[in-house]
Amino acid sequence: MPSMPRLPLPGMPVAMPTGLPGRVLWWGGLAALAAFDVVEWPVAVIVGAGSWVAEQYAKTAAQGERTQQRQTGQHTPAPV
């Protein structure tokens, strides 16, 4: 079984899935909360939309940084 990266949480080194498994857990958990009426569906939609926008913004920013590094000749390996 592959090891999961550790996210730095204050006082707790907790293994958290990142990448596709992390996104599946997030979206699945949000859908489950809405399905079981833990949160109202409009709230789940707003949280989901905000999450999607933040994810797209982060991807665009990371892509811009990689492009800028390529243009200046600096290269840093992608995180594993």
Protein backbone atom coordinates (compact mmCIF):
# COMPACT_ATOMS: atom_id res chain seq x y z
CA MET A 1 0.00 0.00 0.00
CA PRO A 2 1.48 3.39 -0.95
CA SER A 3 2.21 5.77 1.88
CA MET A 4 0.24 8.98 2.09
CA PRO A 5 1.97 12.35 2.43
CA ARG A 6 1.71 14.01 5.79
CA LEU A 7 0.09 17.40 6.01
CA PRO A 8 1.49 19.74 8.65
CA LEU A 9 -1.31 20.20 11.16
CA PRO A 10 -0.39 21.97 14.41
CA GLY A 11 0.53 19.30 16.93
CA MET A 12 -0.76 16.41 14.81
CA PRO A 13 1.19 14.78 11.97
CA VAL A 14 -1.85 13.24 10.28
CA ALA A 15 -1.63 11.22 7.08
CA MET A 16 -4.02 12.82 4.61
CA PRO A 17 -4.66 11.70 1.05
CA THR A 18 -3.79 14.25 -1.60
CA GLY A 19 -4.29 14.35 -5.34
CA LEU A 20 -7.14 12.33 -6.82
CA PRO A 21 -7.89 10.26 -3.68
CA GLY A 22 -8.14 13.44 -1.61
CA ARG A 23 -10.47 15.09 -4.11
CA VAL A 24 -12.69 11.99 -4.28
CA LEU A 25 -12.95 11.93 -0.49
CA TRP A 26 -13.75 15.65 -0.38
CA TRP A 27 -16.45 15.59 -3.04
CA GLY A 28 -17.89 12.30 -1.77
CA GLY A 29 -17.99 13.60 1.79
CA LEU A 30 -19.66 16.81 0.72
CA ALA A 31 -22.26 14.86 -1.27
CA ALA A 32 -22.88 12.54 1.70
CA LEU A 33 -23.38 15.49 4.05
CA ALA A 34 -25.96 16.95 1.68
CA ALA A 35 -27.66 13.59 1.08
CA PHE A 36 -28.11 12.95 4.80
CA ASP A 37 -29.25 16.55 5.45
CA VAL A 38 -26.29 17.33 7.68
CA VAL A 39 -26.00 20.48 5.58
CA GLU A 40 -28.66 21.90 3.31
CA TRP A 41 -28.10 21.25 -0.39
CA PRO A 42 -27.72 24.97 -1.29
CA VAL A 43 -24.90 25.22 1.25
CA ALA A 44 -23.23 22.12 -0.21
CA VAL A 45 -23.51 23.61 -3.71
CA ILE A 46 -21.93 26.89 -2.58
CA VAL A 47 -19.11 25.10 -0.73
CA GLY A 48 -18.55 22.86 -3.74
CA ALA A 49 -18.46 25.80 -6.14
CA GLY A 50 -16.02 27.66 -3.90
CA SER A 51 -13.80 24.59 -3.66
CA TRP A 52 -13.82 24.13 -7.42
CA VAL A 53 -12.91 27.79 -8.02
CA ALA A 54 -10.09 27.61 -5.45
CA GLU A 55 -8.75 24.42 -7.04
CA GLN A 56 -8.77 25.96 -10.52
CA TYR A 57 -7.04 29.09 -9.20
CA ALA A 58 -4.34 26.98 -7.51
CA LYS A 59 -3.78 24.94 -10.68
CA THR A 60 -3.46 28.10 -12.78
CA ALA A 61 -1.04 29.66 -10.31
CA ALA A 62 1.12 26.52 -10.20
CA GLN A 63 1.13 26.28 -13.98
CA GLY A 64 2.16 29.94 -14.23
CA GLU A 65 5.04 29.39 -11.82
CA ARG A 66 6.27 26.38 -13.81
CA THR A 67 6.10 28.37 -17.05
CA GLN A 68 8.01 31.25 -15.50
CA GLN A 69 10.69 28.89 -14.15
CA ARG A 70 11.11 27.33 -17.58
CA GLN A 71 11.50 30.75 -19.19
CA THR A 72 14.11 31.88 -16.67
CA GLY A 73 15.99 28.60 -16.77
CA GLN A 74 15.30 27.67 -13.17
CA HIS A 75 14.04 24.16 -12.64
CA THR A 76 12.69 22.65 -9.48
CA PRO A 77 11.41 19.09 -9.48
CA ALA A 78 7.68 18.59 -9.09
CA PRO A 79 6.55 17.38 -5.68
CA VAL A 80 6.02 13.65 -5.45
